[in-house]
Amino acid sequence: MEVDVQRVHAHSSIVLPGTNHIDTARWNPLFYVFRHYFGDAVDLGKTFRAEH
């Protein structure tokens, strides 16, 4: 699959002042991967449907 990003939205608290750049030190993404939640490469838990 190939995608083309059309628009990105970011909360002003994680944008470097005076720029359109994300401050990666303040950004803490949450990922949902195969029924598990991860943030900063740490396992934060899983959904009730997860087997393990």
N, C-alpha and C. Protein backbone atom coordinates (compact mmCIF):
# COMPACT_ATOMS: atom_id res chain seq x y z
N MET A 1 0.83 -1.14 0.00
CA MET A 1 0.00 0.00 0.00
C MET A 1 0.90 1.24 0.00
N GLU A 2 0.49 2.24 -0.70
CA GLU A 2 1.19 3.51 -0.72
C GLU A 2 0.18 4.59 -0.36
N VAL A 3 0.59 5.48 0.53
CA VAL A 3 -0.31 6.55 0.96
C VAL A 3 0.34 7.91 0.76
N ASP A 4 -0.49 8.92 0.71
CA ASP A 4 -0.03 10.30 0.59
C ASP A 4 -0.69 11.09 1.71
N VAL A 5 0.10 11.58 2.65
CA VAL A 5 -0.45 12.32 3.79
C VAL A 5 -0.94 13.67 3.29
N GLN A 6 -2.18 13.96 3.58
CA GLN A 6 -2.80 15.20 3.12
C GLN A 6 -2.75 16.31 4.17
N ARG A 7 -2.88 15.92 5.45
CA ARG A 7 -2.94 16.92 6.51
C ARG A 7 -2.53 16.27 7.82
N VAL A 8 -1.86 17.03 8.66
CA VAL A 8 -1.43 16.56 9.97
C VAL A 8 -1.92 17.56 11.01
N HIS A 9 -2.48 17.06 12.09
CA HIS A 9 -2.93 17.91 13.19
C HIS A 9 -2.13 17.58 14.43
N ALA A 10 -1.70 18.60 15.16
CA ALA A 10 -0.95 18.39 16.40
C ALA A 10 -1.41 19.42 17.42
N HIS A 11 -1.53 18.98 18.65
CA HIS A 11 -1.91 19.90 19.73
C HIS A 11 -0.80 20.92 19.92
N SER A 12 -1.17 22.15 20.19
CA SER A 12 -0.19 23.24 20.31
C SER A 12 0.83 23.00 21.43
N SER A 13 0.51 22.17 22.39
CA SER A 13 1.43 21.92 23.50
C SER A 13 2.66 21.10 23.09
N ILE A 14 2.61 20.43 21.93
CA ILE A 14 3.76 19.65 21.49
C ILE A 14 4.45 20.24 20.26
N VAL A 15 3.99 21.42 19.82
CA VAL A 15 4.61 22.09 18.68
C VAL A 15 5.63 23.10 19.18
N LEU A 16 6.80 23.11 18.56
CA LEU A 16 7.84 24.08 18.93
C LEU A 16 7.35 25.49 18.61
N PRO A 17 7.41 26.39 19.56
CA PRO A 17 6.91 27.75 19.35
C PRO A 17 7.53 28.42 18.13
N GLY A 18 6.68 29.05 17.34
CA GLY A 18 7.14 29.77 16.16
C GLY A 18 7.45 28.90 14.96
N THR A 19 7.16 27.59 15.06
CA THR A 19 7.45 26.67 13.95
C THR A 19 6.24 25.78 13.70
N ASN A 20 6.38 24.91 12.72
CA ASN A 20 5.39 23.86 12.46
C ASN A 20 5.98 22.50 12.80
N HIS A 21 6.98 22.48 13.68
CA HIS A 21 7.70 21.25 14.01
C HIS A 21 7.24 20.67 15.35
N ILE A 22 7.17 19.35 15.40
CA ILE A 22 6.81 18.65 16.63
C ILE A 22 8.02 18.58 17.55
N ASP A 23 7.81 18.91 18.82
CA ASP A 23 8.85 18.77 19.84
C ASP A 23 8.83 17.32 20.30
N THR A 24 9.76 16.52 19.79
CA THR A 24 9.74 15.09 20.08
C THR A 24 9.99 14.77 21.56
N ALA A 25 10.56 15.70 22.30
CA ALA A 25 10.76 15.48 23.73
C ALA A 25 9.43 15.56 24.49
N ARG A 26 8.45 16.24 23.92
CA ARG A 26 7.14 16.40 24.58
C ARG A 26 6.09 15.47 24.01
N TRP A 27 6.39 14.82 22.91
CA TRP A 27 5.42 13.96 22.22
C TRP A 27 5.49 12.56 22.80
N ASN A 28 4.38 12.04 23.24
CA ASN A 28 4.32 10.70 23.80
C ASN A 28 3.21 9.93 23.08
N PRO A 29 3.55 9.32 21.94
CA PRO A 29 2.52 8.64 21.15
C PRO A 29 2.01 7.37 21.83
N LEU A 30 0.79 7.02 21.54
CA LEU A 30 0.18 5.78 22.00
C LEU A 30 -0.13 4.95 20.77
N PHE A 31 0.38 3.73 20.73
CA PHE A 31 0.16 2.84 19.59
C PHE A 31 -0.68 1.65 20.02
N TYR A 32 -1.57 1.22 19.14
CA TYR A 32 -2.39 0.04 19.35
C TYR A 32 -1.93 -0.99 18.33
N VAL A 33 -1.26 -2.05 18.80
CA VAL A 33 -0.68 -3.04 17.91
C VAL A 33 -1.17 -4.42 18.32
N PHE A 34 -1.94 -5.05 17.47
CA PHE A 34 -2.44 -6.39 17.72
C PHE A 34 -3.03 -6.55 19.11
N ARG A 35 -3.96 -5.67 19.43
CA ARG A 35 -4.72 -5.70 20.69
C ARG A 35 -3.90 -5.34 21.93
N HIS A 36 -2.74 -4.73 21.76
CA HIS A 36 -1.91 -4.28 22.86
C HIS A 36 -1.61 -2.80 22.69
N TYR A 37 -1.48 -2.10 23.80
CA TYR A 37 -1.16 -0.68 23.78
C TYR A 37 0.31 -0.47 24.13
N PHE A 38 0.98 0.41 23.39
CA PHE A 38 2.38 0.71 23.63
C PHE A 38 2.59 2.22 23.59
N GLY A 39 3.51 2.70 24.41
CA GLY A 39 3.91 4.10 24.40
C GLY A 39 5.37 4.16 24.77
N ASP A 40 6.16 4.87 24.00
CA ASP A 40 7.61 4.95 24.24
C ASP A 40 8.24 3.56 24.34
N ALA A 41 7.79 2.64 23.50
CA ALA A 41 8.30 1.27 23.43
C ALA A 41 8.08 0.48 24.72
N VAL A 42 7.16 0.91 25.55
CA VAL A 42 6.83 0.20 26.79
C VAL A 42 5.44 -0.38 26.64
N ASP A 43 5.26 -1.63 27.03
CA ASP A 43 3.95 -2.26 26.98
C ASP A 43 3.06 -1.64 28.05
N LEU A 44 1.98 -0.98 27.62
CA LEU A 44 1.09 -0.29 28.56
C LEU A 44 -0.15 -1.09 28.92
N GLY A 45 -0.29 -2.26 28.35
CA GLY A 45 -1.45 -3.08 28.67
C GLY A 45 -2.03 -3.70 27.41
N LYS A 46 -3.19 -4.32 27.57
CA LYS A 46 -3.84 -4.97 26.44
C LYS A 46 -5.34 -4.88 26.59
N THR A 47 -6.03 -5.13 25.52
CA THR A 47 -7.49 -5.10 25.55
C THR A 47 -8.01 -6.41 26.12
N PHE A 48 -9.25 -6.43 26.45
CA PHE A 48 -9.86 -7.65 27.00
C PHE A 48 -9.91 -8.77 25.98
N ARG A 49 -9.75 -8.47 24.70
CA ARG A 49 -9.78 -9.48 23.64
C ARG A 49 -8.42 -10.12 23.38
N ALA A 50 -7.37 -9.58 23.96
CA ALA A 50 -6.03 -10.11 23.74
C ALA A 50 -5.91 -11.48 24.39
N GLU A 51 -5.25 -12.40 23.71
CA GLU A 51 -5.11 -13.76 24.21
C GLU A 51 -4.01 -13.89 25.24
N HIS A 52 -2.95 -13.12 25.11
CA HIS A 52 -1.81 -13.26 26.02
C HIS A 52 -1.54 -11.98 26.73
